[in-house]
């Protein structure tokens, strides 16, 4: 039981550290352009979330996509992400 509580405490501390790190990012991005911010955010999210992919679409004057993948050769995942991004943006 003590071991489970210790593991849970470590997990919560790691999560809190990650939230604090993310909340500090805007100060790091001072002076960055939109593309630099998106690229940096994608890198940070890949590390924090340990996910297979991050896909950001910048809806601005210079529309741009940022894609980070753990396995760059995964063409099927890349295709699916691009298809999702091409669809209408839902804000529900």
C-alpha atoms as a PDB file:
ATOM      1  CA  UNK A   1       0.000   0.000   0.000  1.00  0.00           C
ATOM      2  CA  UNK A   2       2.845   2.402   0.877  1.00  0.00           C
ATOM      3  CA  UNK A   3       4.513   1.671  -2.468  1.00  0.00           C
ATOM      4  CA  UNK A   4       1.317   2.536  -4.386  1.00  0.00           C
ATOM      5  CA  UNK A   5       0.975   5.814  -2.464  1.00  0.00           C
ATOM      6  CA  UNK A   6       4.600   6.686  -3.238  1.00  0.00           C
ATOM      7  CA  UNK A   7       4.076   5.963  -6.933  1.00  0.00           C
ATOM      8  CA  UNK A   8       0.928   8.101  -6.985  1.00  0.00           C
ATOM      9  CA  UNK A   9       2.750  10.960  -5.259  1.00  0.00           C
ATOM     10  CA  UNK A  10       5.553  10.784  -7.828  1.00  0.00           C
ATOM     11  CA  UNK A  11       3.035  10.791 -10.676  1.00  0.00           C
ATOM     12  CA  UNK A  12       1.230  13.821  -9.248  1.00  0.00           C
ATOM     13  CA  UNK A  13       4.493  15.705  -8.725  1.00  0.00           C
ATOM     14  CA  UNK A  14       5.557  14.973 -12.301  1.00  0.00           C
ATOM     15  CA  UNK A  15       2.177  16.180 -13.600  1.00  0.00           C
ATOM     16  CA  UNK A  16       2.387  19.369 -11.555  1.00  0.00           C
ATOM     17  CA  UNK A  17       5.936  19.994 -12.789  1.00  0.00           C
ATOM     18  CA  UNK A  18       4.743  19.577 -16.383  1.00  0.00           C
ATOM     19  CA  UNK A  19       1.821  21.986 -15.885  1.00  0.00           C
ATOM     20  CA  UNK A  20       4.158  24.580 -14.373  1.00  0.00           C
ATOM     21  CA  UNK A  21       6.623  24.151 -17.238  1.00  0.00           C
ATOM     22  CA  UNK A  22       3.847  24.618 -19.798  1.00  0.00           C
ATOM     23  CA  UNK A  23       2.535  27.709 -18.033  1.00  0.00           C
ATOM     24  CA  UNK A  24       6.008  29.285 -18.245  1.00  0.00           C
ATOM     25  CA  UNK A  25       6.279  28.782 -22.018  1.00  0.00           C
ATOM     26  CA  UNK A  26       4.819  32.166 -23.035  1.00  0.00           C
ATOM     27  CA  UNK A  27       7.776  33.920 -21.390  1.00  0.00           C
ATOM     28  CA  UNK A  28      10.159  31.699 -23.359  1.00  0.00           C
ATOM     29  CA  UNK A  29       8.340  32.556 -26.580  1.00  0.00           C
ATOM     30  CA  UNK A  30       8.820  36.312 -26.193  1.00  0.00           C
ATOM     31  CA  UNK A  31      10.151  37.528 -29.523  1.00  0.00           C
ATOM     32  CA  UNK A  32       9.333  34.267 -31.350  1.00  0.00           C
ATOM     33  CA  UNK A  33       7.215  34.335 -34.488  1.00  0.00           C
ATOM     34  CA  UNK A  34       4.121  32.148 -34.804  1.00  0.00           C
ATOM     35  CA  UNK A  35       5.897  29.306 -36.608  1.00  0.00           C
ATOM     36  CA  UNK A  36       8.672  29.184 -33.977  1.00  0.00           C
ATOM     37  CA  UNK A  37       6.091  29.051 -31.177  1.00  0.00           C
ATOM     38  CA  UNK A  38       4.163  26.248 -32.906  1.00  0.00           C
ATOM     39  CA  UNK A  39       7.331  24.222 -33.525  1.00  0.00           C
ATOM     40  CA  UNK A  40       8.487  24.666 -29.945  1.00  0.00           C
ATOM     41  CA  UNK A  41       5.033  23.798 -28.562  1.00  0.00           C
ATOM     42  CA  UNK A  42       4.905  20.629 -30.687  1.00  0.00           C
ATOM     43  CA  UNK A  43       8.314  19.542 -29.351  1.00  0.00           C
ATOM     44  CA  UNK A  44       7.291  20.232 -25.755  1.00  0.00           C
ATOM     45  CA  UNK A  45       3.979  18.377 -26.115  1.00  0.00           C
ATOM     46  CA  UNK A  46       5.713  15.344 -27.637  1.00  0.00           C
ATOM     47  CA  UNK A  47       7.989  15.127 -24.596  1.00  0.00           C
ATOM     48  CA  UNK A  48       5.362  15.865 -21.954  1.00  0.00           C
ATOM     49  CA  UNK A  49       2.584  13.673 -23.291  1.00  0.00           C
ATOM     50  CA  UNK A  50       4.747  10.834 -24.634  1.00  0.00           C
ATOM     51  CA  UNK A  51       2.289  10.628 -27.523  1.00  0.00           C
ATOM     52  CA  UNK A  52       2.715   9.122 -30.987  1.00  0.00           C
ATOM     53  CA  UNK A  53       2.159  12.405 -32.803  1.00  0.00           C
ATOM     54  CA  UNK A  54       1.355  16.085 -32.420  1.00  0.00           C
ATOM     55  CA  UNK A  55      -0.283  17.999 -35.239  1.00  0.00           C
ATOM     56  CA  UNK A  56      -0.817  21.745 -35.004  1.00  0.00           C
ATOM     57  CA  UNK A  57      -2.575  23.812 -37.616  1.00  0.00           C
ATOM     58  CA  UNK A  58      -1.941  27.535 -37.567  1.00  0.00           C
ATOM     59  CA  UNK A  59      -5.001  29.376 -38.731  1.00  0.00           C
ATOM     60  CA  UNK A  60      -3.449  32.694 -39.585  1.00  0.00           C
ATOM     61  CA  UNK A  61      -2.530  34.835 -42.542  1.00  0.00           C
ATOM     62  CA  UNK A  62       0.229  32.360 -43.382  1.00  0.00           C
ATOM     63  CA  UNK A  63      -1.593  29.075 -42.697  1.00  0.00           C
ATOM     64  CA  UNK A  64       0.936  26.451 -41.771  1.00  0.00           C
ATOM     65  CA  UNK A  65       1.004  22.957 -40.302  1.00  0.00           C
ATOM     66  CA  UNK A  66       3.386  21.560 -37.724  1.00  0.00           C
ATOM     67  CA  UNK A  67       3.631  17.789 -37.453  1.00  0.00           C
ATOM     68  CA  UNK A  68       5.820  15.873 -35.019  1.00  0.00           C
ATOM     69  CA  UNK A  69       5.770  12.086 -35.062  1.00  0.00           C
ATOM     70  CA  UNK A  70       7.545   9.564 -32.872  1.00  0.00           C
ATOM     71  CA  UNK A  71       7.828   7.225 -35.886  1.00  0.00           C
ATOM     72  CA  UNK A  72       8.404   9.508 -38.909  1.00  0.00           C
ATOM     73  CA  UNK A  73       7.809   6.654 -41.360  1.00  0.00           C
ATOM     74  CA  UNK A  74       4.218   6.109 -40.176  1.00  0.00           C
ATOM     75  CA  UNK A  75       2.510   7.317 -43.333  1.00  0.00           C
ATOM     76  CA  UNK A  76      -0.924   6.042 -42.298  1.00  0.00           C
ATOM     77  CA  UNK A  77      -0.922   8.080 -39.067  1.00  0.00           C
ATOM     78  CA  UNK A  78       0.313  11.158 -40.917  1.00  0.00           C
ATOM     79  CA  UNK A  79      -2.450  10.765 -43.515  1.00  0.00           C
ATOM     80  CA  UNK A  80      -5.122  10.413 -40.803  1.00  0.00           C
ATOM     81  CA  UNK A  81      -3.893  13.502 -38.948  1.00  0.00           C
ATOM     82  CA  UNK A  82      -3.841  15.590 -42.108  1.00  0.00           C
ATOM     83  CA  UNK A  83      -7.368  14.402 -43.008  1.00  0.00           C
ATOM     84  CA  UNK A  84      -8.635  15.391 -39.549  1.00  0.00           C
ATOM     85  CA  UNK A  85      -6.975  18.786 -39.799  1.00  0.00           C
ATOM     86  CA  UNK A  86      -8.491  19.425 -43.234  1.00  0.00           C
ATOM     87  CA  UNK A  87     -12.011  18.992 -41.862  1.00  0.00           C
ATOM     88  CA  UNK A  88     -14.100  21.740 -40.305  1.00  0.00           C
ATOM     89  CA  UNK A  89     -13.011  23.021 -36.911  1.00  0.00           C
ATOM     90  CA  UNK A  90     -15.558  22.049 -34.257  1.00  0.00           C
ATOM     91  CA  UNK A  91     -15.791  24.222 -31.167  1.00  0.00           C
ATOM     92  CA  UNK A  92     -18.431  22.333 -29.206  1.00  0.00           C
END
